[in-house]
């Protein structure tokens, strides 16, 4: 029988791991870009929410399952629209710009840097499943080099 104390300890461990995993994600993103933690969080949420809108056939759920728990929780408050497999690269970048209030000429770099970090935090198989659903220009950003410090 599980005691209240054991349950409490398990919850604390889960919370600690969830926080550490998300912190690693944000640390990787800030190290790559030089962004503040707040900007990294805001950009990550905007890009991943928009990516989820672009994916179909259960891939958004599969991707979400591999995200840090804290990022998934933060995405729950985003206004994620219905799946739009016909979303063009320009529409994708426009949605990210609207969600972040970033300048249009900054959005390519923001998306590429978040994609780079995201690819590093999901399995190669999941990264491939995302890649094959993207139009050529978004695929270029998904696979492209970092625009940041690394």
N, C-alpha and C. Protein backbone atom coordinates (compact mmCIF):
# COMPACT_ATOMS: atom_id res chain seq x y z
N UNK A 1 0.84 -1.18 0.00
CA UNK A 1 0.00 0.00 0.00
C UNK A 1 0.88 1.25 0.00
N UNK A 2 0.57 2.20 -0.85
CA UNK A 2 1.34 3.43 -0.95
C UNK A 2 0.90 4.39 0.14
N UNK A 3 1.88 4.91 0.82
CA UNK A 3 1.56 5.88 1.86
C UNK A 3 1.52 7.28 1.26
N UNK A 4 0.95 8.18 2.00
CA UNK A 4 0.90 9.57 1.57
C UNK A 4 2.32 10.12 1.39
N UNK A 5 3.22 9.75 2.31
CA UNK A 5 4.60 10.24 2.24
C UNK A 5 5.29 9.74 0.97
N UNK A 6 5.08 8.47 0.63
CA UNK A 6 5.69 7.91 -0.58
C UNK A 6 5.13 8.60 -1.82
N UNK A 7 3.83 8.81 -1.84
CA UNK A 7 3.20 9.50 -2.97
C UNK A 7 3.76 10.90 -3.11
N UNK A 8 3.90 11.59 -1.99
CA UNK A 8 4.43 12.95 -2.00
C UNK A 8 5.86 12.97 -2.55
N UNK A 9 6.68 12.02 -2.14
CA UNK A 9 8.07 11.93 -2.62
C UNK A 9 8.08 11.65 -4.12
N UNK A 10 7.22 10.75 -4.58
CA UNK A 10 7.16 10.45 -6.01
C UNK A 10 6.74 11.67 -6.82
N UNK A 11 5.79 12.42 -6.32
CA UNK A 11 5.35 13.64 -7.00
C UNK A 11 6.50 14.65 -7.04
N UNK A 12 7.23 14.78 -5.95
CA UNK A 12 8.36 15.70 -5.91
C UNK A 12 9.43 15.29 -6.92
N UNK A 13 9.71 13.99 -7.01
CA UNK A 13 10.71 13.51 -7.98
C UNK A 13 10.27 13.81 -9.40
N UNK A 14 8.99 13.54 -9.68
CA UNK A 14 8.47 13.82 -11.02
C UNK A 14 8.60 15.31 -11.34
N UNK A 15 8.22 16.15 -10.41
CA UNK A 15 8.29 17.60 -10.62
C UNK A 15 9.73 18.04 -10.83
N UNK A 16 10.64 17.47 -10.07
CA UNK A 16 12.04 17.82 -10.18
C UNK A 16 12.60 17.41 -11.54
N UNK A 17 12.28 16.18 -11.99
CA UNK A 17 12.74 15.71 -13.31
C UNK A 17 12.12 16.55 -14.42
N UNK A 18 10.84 16.85 -14.30
CA UNK A 18 10.17 17.65 -15.32
C UNK A 18 10.80 19.03 -15.43
N UNK A 19 11.08 19.63 -14.30
CA UNK A 19 11.72 20.94 -14.30
C UNK A 19 13.13 20.89 -14.86
N UNK A 20 13.88 19.85 -14.52
CA UNK A 20 15.25 19.71 -15.01
C UNK A 20 15.29 19.48 -16.51
N UNK A 21 14.38 18.68 -17.03
CA UNK A 21 14.33 18.40 -18.46
C UNK A 21 14.01 19.68 -19.24
N UNK A 22 13.05 20.43 -18.75
CA UNK A 22 12.69 21.69 -19.41
C UNK A 22 13.84 22.69 -19.30
N UNK A 23 14.48 22.75 -18.14
CA UNK A 23 15.61 23.66 -17.96
C UNK A 23 16.73 23.33 -18.95
N UNK A 24 17.00 22.04 -19.17
CA UNK A 24 18.01 21.63 -20.14
C UNK A 24 17.64 22.09 -21.54
N UNK A 25 16.38 21.94 -21.89
CA UNK A 25 15.91 22.39 -23.21
C UNK A 25 16.15 23.89 -23.37
N UNK A 26 15.72 24.67 -22.41
CA UNK A 26 15.89 26.13 -22.47
C UNK A 26 17.37 26.50 -22.41
N UNK A 27 18.15 25.80 -21.58
CA UNK A 27 19.60 26.06 -21.52
C UNK A 27 20.25 25.83 -22.87
N UNK A 28 19.88 24.74 -23.54
CA UNK A 28 20.43 24.47 -24.86
C UNK A 28 20.06 25.56 -25.85
N UNK A 29 18.82 26.02 -25.78
CA UNK A 29 18.36 27.07 -26.68
C UNK A 29 19.06 28.40 -26.40
N UNK A 30 19.22 28.76 -25.14
CA UNK A 30 19.89 30.02 -24.83
C UNK A 30 21.39 29.95 -25.15
N UNK A 31 22.00 28.79 -24.95
CA UNK A 31 23.42 28.64 -25.29
C UNK A 31 23.64 28.78 -26.79
N UNK A 32 22.70 28.30 -27.57
CA UNK A 32 22.80 28.35 -29.02
C UNK A 32 22.57 29.75 -29.56
N UNK A 33 21.78 30.53 -28.88
CA UNK A 33 21.31 31.79 -29.44
C UNK A 33 21.73 33.05 -28.70
N UNK A 34 21.99 32.92 -27.41
CA UNK A 34 22.24 34.11 -26.60
C UNK A 34 20.97 34.81 -26.15
N UNK A 35 19.81 34.20 -26.42
CA UNK A 35 18.54 34.78 -25.99
C UNK A 35 18.42 34.69 -24.47
N UNK A 36 17.59 35.55 -23.92
CA UNK A 36 17.25 35.43 -22.50
C UNK A 36 16.38 34.18 -22.33
N UNK A 37 16.28 33.70 -21.10
CA UNK A 37 15.43 32.53 -20.83
C UNK A 37 13.97 32.84 -21.18
N UNK A 38 13.52 34.06 -20.89
CA UNK A 38 12.14 34.43 -21.21
C UNK A 38 11.89 34.42 -22.72
N UNK A 39 12.84 34.98 -23.48
CA UNK A 39 12.69 34.96 -24.94
C UNK A 39 12.74 33.53 -25.46
N UNK A 40 13.66 32.73 -24.95
CA UNK A 40 13.77 31.33 -25.39
C UNK A 40 12.47 30.58 -25.13
N UNK A 41 11.88 30.78 -23.98
CA UNK A 41 10.61 30.14 -23.65
C UNK A 41 9.51 30.61 -24.60
N UNK A 42 9.43 31.90 -24.81
CA UNK A 42 8.39 32.46 -25.68
C UNK A 42 8.55 31.97 -27.11
N UNK A 43 9.77 31.98 -27.62
CA UNK A 43 10.01 31.53 -28.99
C UNK A 43 9.76 30.03 -29.12
N UNK A 44 10.19 29.24 -28.15
CA UNK A 44 9.97 27.79 -28.21
C UNK A 44 8.48 27.48 -28.25
N UNK A 45 7.71 28.12 -27.37
CA UNK A 45 6.27 27.88 -27.36
C UNK A 45 5.63 28.26 -28.70
N UNK A 46 6.03 29.40 -29.25
CA UNK A 46 5.44 29.86 -30.51
C UNK A 46 5.77 28.92 -31.66
N UNK A 47 7.02 28.51 -31.75
CA UNK A 47 7.43 27.66 -32.87
C UNK A 47 6.82 26.27 -32.73
N UNK A 48 6.86 25.70 -31.54
CA UNK A 48 6.32 24.35 -31.36
C UNK A 48 4.80 24.34 -31.54
N UNK A 49 4.12 25.35 -31.04
CA UNK A 49 2.66 25.43 -31.23
C UNK A 49 2.33 25.51 -32.72
N UNK A 50 3.07 26.31 -33.46
CA UNK A 50 2.83 26.43 -34.89
C UNK A 50 3.18 25.14 -35.61
N UNK A 51 4.25 24.49 -35.19
CA UNK A 51 4.62 23.21 -35.77
C UNK A 51 3.52 22.18 -35.53
N UNK A 52 2.96 22.16 -34.34
CA UNK A 52 1.86 21.24 -34.05
C UNK A 52 0.66 21.49 -34.97
N UNK A 53 0.44 22.75 -35.34
CA UNK A 53 -0.66 23.07 -36.26
C UNK A 53 -0.38 22.57 -37.67
N UNK A 54 0.89 22.44 -38.01
CA UNK A 54 1.28 22.03 -39.37
C UNK A 54 1.26 20.50 -39.52
N UNK A 55 1.44 19.77 -38.42
CA UNK A 55 1.54 18.31 -38.48
C UNK A 55 0.17 17.65 -38.49
N UNK A 56 0.08 16.51 -39.16
CA UNK A 56 -1.18 15.76 -39.23
C UNK A 56 -0.91 14.28 -38.94
N UNK A 57 -2.00 13.52 -38.85
CA UNK A 57 -1.90 12.08 -38.72
C UNK A 57 -1.33 11.61 -37.40
N UNK A 58 -1.56 12.35 -36.34
CA UNK A 58 -1.07 11.94 -35.04
C UNK A 58 0.35 12.37 -34.74
N UNK A 59 1.03 12.98 -35.71
CA UNK A 59 2.42 13.39 -35.49
C UNK A 59 2.54 14.49 -34.44
N UNK A 60 1.57 15.37 -34.35
CA UNK A 60 1.62 16.41 -33.32
C UNK A 60 1.61 15.77 -31.94
N UNK A 61 0.77 14.75 -31.75
CA UNK A 61 0.71 14.05 -30.46
C UNK A 61 2.00 13.28 -30.19
N UNK A 62 2.52 12.65 -31.24
CA UNK A 62 3.77 11.90 -31.08
C UNK A 62 4.92 12.84 -30.71
N UNK A 63 4.97 14.00 -31.35
CA UNK A 63 6.00 14.98 -31.02
C UNK A 63 5.82 15.47 -29.59
N UNK A 64 4.59 15.81 -29.23
CA UNK A 64 4.31 16.32 -27.89
C UNK A 64 4.74 15.33 -26.81
N UNK A 65 4.58 14.05 -27.09
CA UNK A 65 4.95 13.03 -26.11
C UNK A 65 6.45 13.03 -25.82
N UNK A 66 7.25 13.55 -26.73
CA UNK A 66 8.69 13.57 -26.53
C UNK A 66 9.21 14.91 -26.02
N UNK A 67 8.33 15.88 -25.90
CA UNK A 67 8.74 17.19 -25.39
C UNK A 67 8.90 17.16 -23.87
N UNK A 68 9.74 18.04 -23.34
CA UNK A 68 9.79 18.17 -21.88
C UNK A 68 8.40 18.48 -21.33
N UNK A 69 8.08 17.87 -20.21
CA UNK A 69 6.74 18.02 -19.62
C UNK A 69 6.37 19.49 -19.41
N UNK A 70 7.30 20.29 -18.94
CA UNK A 70 7.01 21.71 -18.70
C UNK A 70 6.67 22.44 -19.99
N UNK A 71 7.34 22.07 -21.08
CA UNK A 71 7.02 22.69 -22.36
C UNK A 71 5.63 22.28 -22.80
N UNK A 72 5.29 21.00 -22.64
CA UNK A 72 3.93 20.54 -22.97
C UNK A 72 2.90 21.33 -22.17
N UNK A 73 3.16 21.52 -20.87
CA UNK A 73 2.24 22.26 -20.02
C UNK A 73 2.08 23.70 -20.53
N UNK A 74 3.19 24.31 -20.93
CA UNK A 74 3.15 25.68 -21.41
C UNK A 74 2.41 25.77 -22.74
N UNK A 75 2.52 24.72 -23.56
CA UNK A 75 1.81 24.70 -24.83
C UNK A 75 0.31 24.59 -24.64
N UNK A 76 -0.09 24.00 -23.54
CA UNK A 76 -1.52 23.86 -23.26
C UNK A 76 -2.22 25.21 -23.17
N UNK A 77 -1.48 26.26 -22.84
CA UNK A 77 -2.09 27.59 -22.74
C UNK A 77 -2.01 28.35 -24.05
N UNK A 78 -1.28 27.82 -25.03
CA UNK A 78 -1.21 28.45 -26.35
C UNK A 78 -2.52 28.20 -27.09
N UNK A 79 -2.85 29.09 -27.97
CA UNK A 79 -4.04 28.94 -28.79
C UNK A 79 -3.65 28.16 -30.04
N UNK A 80 -3.53 26.84 -29.91
CA UNK A 80 -3.14 25.99 -31.03
C UNK A 80 -4.37 25.71 -31.87
N UNK A 81 -4.25 26.05 -33.14
CA UNK A 81 -5.37 25.86 -34.05
C UNK A 81 -5.45 24.42 -34.56
N UNK A 82 -6.41 24.20 -35.44
CA UNK A 82 -6.59 22.88 -36.03
C UNK A 82 -5.43 22.58 -36.97
N UNK A 83 -5.20 21.28 -37.21
CA UNK A 83 -4.14 20.86 -38.12
C UNK A 83 -4.37 21.46 -39.50
N UNK A 84 -3.32 21.98 -40.09
CA UNK A 84 -3.39 22.60 -41.40
C UNK A 84 -2.21 22.10 -42.24
N UNK A 85 -2.37 20.92 -42.85
CA UNK A 85 -1.27 20.35 -43.62
C UNK A 85 -0.90 21.15 -44.87
N UNK A 86 -1.75 22.08 -45.25
CA UNK A 86 -1.48 22.92 -46.43
C UNK A 86 -0.80 24.23 -46.05
N UNK A 87 -0.51 24.43 -44.75
CA UNK A 87 0.13 25.66 -44.31
C UNK A 87 1.46 25.85 -45.05
N UNK A 88 1.60 26.99 -45.70
CA UNK A 88 2.84 27.28 -46.42
C UNK A 88 3.90 27.77 -45.45
N UNK A 89 5.11 27.84 -45.95
CA UNK A 89 6.20 28.35 -45.13
C UNK A 89 5.93 29.79 -44.71
N UNK A 90 5.44 30.60 -45.64
CA UNK A 90 5.13 32.00 -45.30
C UNK A 90 4.06 32.08 -44.22
N UNK A 91 3.04 31.24 -44.31
CA UNK A 91 2.01 31.22 -43.27
C UNK A 91 2.59 30.78 -41.93
N UNK A 92 3.42 29.77 -41.96
CA UNK A 92 4.07 29.28 -40.74
C UNK A 92 4.87 30.41 -40.08
N UNK A 93 5.72 31.06 -40.87
CA UNK A 93 6.55 32.15 -40.34
C UNK A 93 5.68 33.31 -39.85
N UNK A 94 4.60 33.59 -40.56
CA UNK A 94 3.68 34.65 -40.14
C UNK A 94 3.03 34.35 -38.80
N UNK A 95 2.65 33.10 -38.60
CA UNK A 95 2.04 32.71 -37.32
C UNK A 95 3.04 32.84 -36.19
N UNK A 96 4.29 32.42 -36.43
CA UNK A 96 5.32 32.55 -35.40
C UNK A 96 5.56 34.02 -35.10
N UNK A 97 5.65 34.84 -36.13
CA UNK A 97 5.85 36.28 -35.92
C UNK A 97 4.72 36.88 -35.09
N UNK A 98 3.48 36.49 -35.39
CA UNK A 98 2.33 37.01 -34.65
C UNK A 98 2.37 36.56 -33.19
N UNK A 99 2.79 35.33 -32.95
CA UNK A 99 2.83 34.81 -31.58
C UNK A 99 3.96 35.41 -30.75
N UNK A 100 5.00 35.87 -31.41
CA UNK A 100 6.18 36.35 -30.67
C UNK A 100 6.37 37.85 -30.74
N UNK A 101 5.65 38.52 -31.63
CA UNK A 101 5.86 39.94 -31.90
C UNK A 101 7.28 40.20 -32.43
N UNK A 102 7.88 39.18 -33.03
CA UNK A 102 9.21 39.33 -33.61
C UNK A 102 9.09 40.02 -34.97
N UNK A 103 10.17 40.64 -35.37
CA UNK A 103 10.22 41.25 -36.70
C UNK A 103 10.25 40.14 -37.74
N UNK A 104 9.62 40.38 -38.86
CA UNK A 104 9.52 39.36 -39.90
C UNK A 104 10.90 38.86 -40.33
N UNK A 105 11.88 39.76 -40.40
CA UNK A 105 13.21 39.32 -40.85
C UNK A 105 13.97 38.53 -39.78
N UNK A 106 13.45 38.45 -38.57
CA UNK A 106 14.06 37.65 -37.50
C UNK A 106 13.46 36.25 -37.41
N UNK A 107 12.31 36.04 -38.00
CA UNK A 107 11.55 34.82 -37.77
C UNK A 107 12.26 33.58 -38.32
N UNK A 108 12.88 33.68 -39.48
CA UNK A 108 13.62 32.53 -40.02
C UNK A 108 14.64 32.02 -39.00
N UNK A 109 15.41 32.94 -38.44
CA UNK A 109 16.44 32.57 -37.48
C UNK A 109 15.83 31.98 -36.21
N UNK A 110 14.75 32.56 -35.75
CA UNK A 110 14.07 32.05 -34.55
C UNK A 110 13.61 30.62 -34.79
N UNK A 111 12.93 30.40 -35.90
CA UNK A 111 12.41 29.06 -36.21
C UNK A 111 13.56 28.07 -36.35
N UNK A 112 14.61 28.43 -37.07
CA UNK A 112 15.74 27.52 -37.28
C UNK A 112 16.40 27.14 -35.96
N UNK A 113 16.57 28.10 -35.06
CA UNK A 113 17.22 27.80 -33.78
C UNK A 113 16.34 26.92 -32.89
N UNK A 114 15.06 27.21 -32.85
CA UNK A 114 14.16 26.36 -32.05
C UNK A 114 14.11 24.97 -32.67
N UNK A 115 14.03 24.88 -33.98
CA UNK A 115 14.03 23.57 -34.64
C UNK A 115 15.29 22.79 -34.28
N UNK A 116 16.45 23.44 -34.30
CA UNK A 116 17.72 22.76 -33.99
C UNK A 116 17.65 22.17 -32.58
N UNK A 117 17.20 22.94 -31.62
CA UNK A 117 17.11 22.46 -30.25
C UNK A 117 16.07 21.36 -30.14
N UNK A 118 14.96 21.54 -30.80
CA UNK A 118 13.90 20.54 -30.78
C UNK A 118 14.40 19.21 -31.34
N UNK A 119 15.10 19.25 -32.47
CA UNK A 119 15.65 18.02 -33.06
C UNK A 119 16.59 17.31 -32.10
N UNK A 120 17.33 18.07 -31.32
CA UNK A 120 18.28 17.48 -30.36
C UNK A 120 17.57 16.82 -29.18
N UNK A 121 16.31 17.16 -28.96
CA UNK A 121 15.58 16.66 -27.80
C UNK A 121 14.53 15.61 -28.13
N UNK A 122 14.43 15.22 -29.39
CA UNK A 122 13.53 14.14 -29.77
C UNK A 122 14.35 13.05 -30.44
N UNK A 123 13.77 11.88 -30.57
CA UNK A 123 14.47 10.77 -31.20
C UNK A 123 14.69 11.05 -32.69
N UNK A 124 15.72 10.44 -33.27
CA UNK A 124 15.93 10.62 -34.71
C UNK A 124 14.70 10.18 -35.53
N UNK A 125 14.03 9.13 -35.10
CA UNK A 125 12.83 8.68 -35.80
C UNK A 125 11.73 9.73 -35.78
N UNK A 126 11.52 10.36 -34.62
CA UNK A 126 10.50 11.41 -34.52
C UNK A 126 10.90 12.61 -35.36
N UNK A 127 12.18 12.96 -35.33
CA UNK A 127 12.66 14.08 -36.14
C UNK A 127 12.37 13.81 -37.63
N UNK A 128 12.58 12.58 -38.06
CA UNK A 128 12.31 12.23 -39.46
C UNK A 128 10.81 12.32 -39.77
N UNK A 129 9.98 11.85 -38.85
CA UNK A 129 8.52 11.91 -39.06
C UNK A 129 8.05 13.36 -39.20
N UNK A 130 8.65 14.27 -38.45
CA UNK A 130 8.31 15.69 -38.58
C UNK A 130 8.81 16.20 -39.93
N UNK A 131 10.05 15.91 -40.23
CA UNK A 131 10.68 16.42 -41.45
C UNK A 131 9.88 16.10 -42.71
N UNK A 132 9.41 14.87 -42.82
CA UNK A 132 8.74 14.48 -44.07
C UNK A 132 7.39 15.18 -44.25
N UNK A 133 6.86 15.78 -43.19
CA UNK A 133 5.59 16.51 -43.33
C UNK A 133 5.78 17.99 -43.67
N UNK A 134 7.00 18.45 -43.69
CA UNK A 134 7.25 19.87 -43.90
C UNK A 134 7.49 20.19 -45.37
N UNK A 135 7.01 21.36 -45.82
CA UNK A 135 7.35 21.79 -47.18
C UNK A 135 8.85 22.08 -47.26
N UNK A 136 9.35 22.16 -48.48
CA UNK A 136 10.80 22.28 -48.69
C UNK A 136 11.46 23.39 -47.89
N UNK A 137 10.89 24.59 -47.89
CA UNK A 137 11.52 25.70 -47.18
C UNK A 137 11.53 25.49 -45.67
N UNK A 138 10.48 24.92 -45.10
CA UNK A 138 10.49 24.61 -43.67
C UNK A 138 11.45 23.46 -43.38
N UNK A 139 11.54 22.52 -44.30
CA UNK A 139 12.49 21.41 -44.15
C UNK A 139 13.92 21.96 -44.11
N UNK A 140 14.17 22.97 -44.91
CA UNK A 140 15.49 23.63 -44.90
C UNK A 140 15.78 24.21 -43.52
N UNK A 141 14.79 24.84 -42.91
CA UNK A 141 14.97 25.39 -41.57
C UNK A 141 15.10 24.27 -40.53
N UNK A 142 14.34 23.19 -40.70
CA UNK A 142 14.39 22.05 -39.77
C UNK A 142 15.79 21.42 -39.77
N UNK A 143 16.39 21.30 -40.94
CA UNK A 143 17.69 20.64 -41.07
C UNK A 143 18.87 21.59 -41.13
N UNK A 144 18.59 22.88 -41.13
CA UNK A 144 19.64 23.85 -41.35
C UNK A 144 20.55 24.04 -40.16
N UNK A 145 21.66 24.71 -40.42
CA UNK A 145 22.61 25.01 -39.34
C UNK A 145 22.03 26.06 -38.40
N UNK A 146 22.59 26.13 -37.24
CA UNK A 146 22.17 27.13 -36.27
C UNK A 146 22.57 28.51 -36.74
N UNK A 147 21.75 29.49 -36.39
CA UNK A 147 22.09 30.88 -36.64
C UNK A 147 22.74 31.47 -35.39
N UNK A 148 22.90 30.67 -34.37
CA UNK A 148 23.37 31.14 -33.07
C UNK A 148 24.86 30.95 -32.87
N UNK A 149 25.22 30.75 -31.64
CA UNK A 149 26.63 30.76 -31.22
C UNK A 149 27.34 29.44 -31.39
N UNK A 150 26.63 28.33 -31.51
CA UNK A 150 27.31 27.04 -31.59
C UNK A 150 27.96 26.84 -32.92
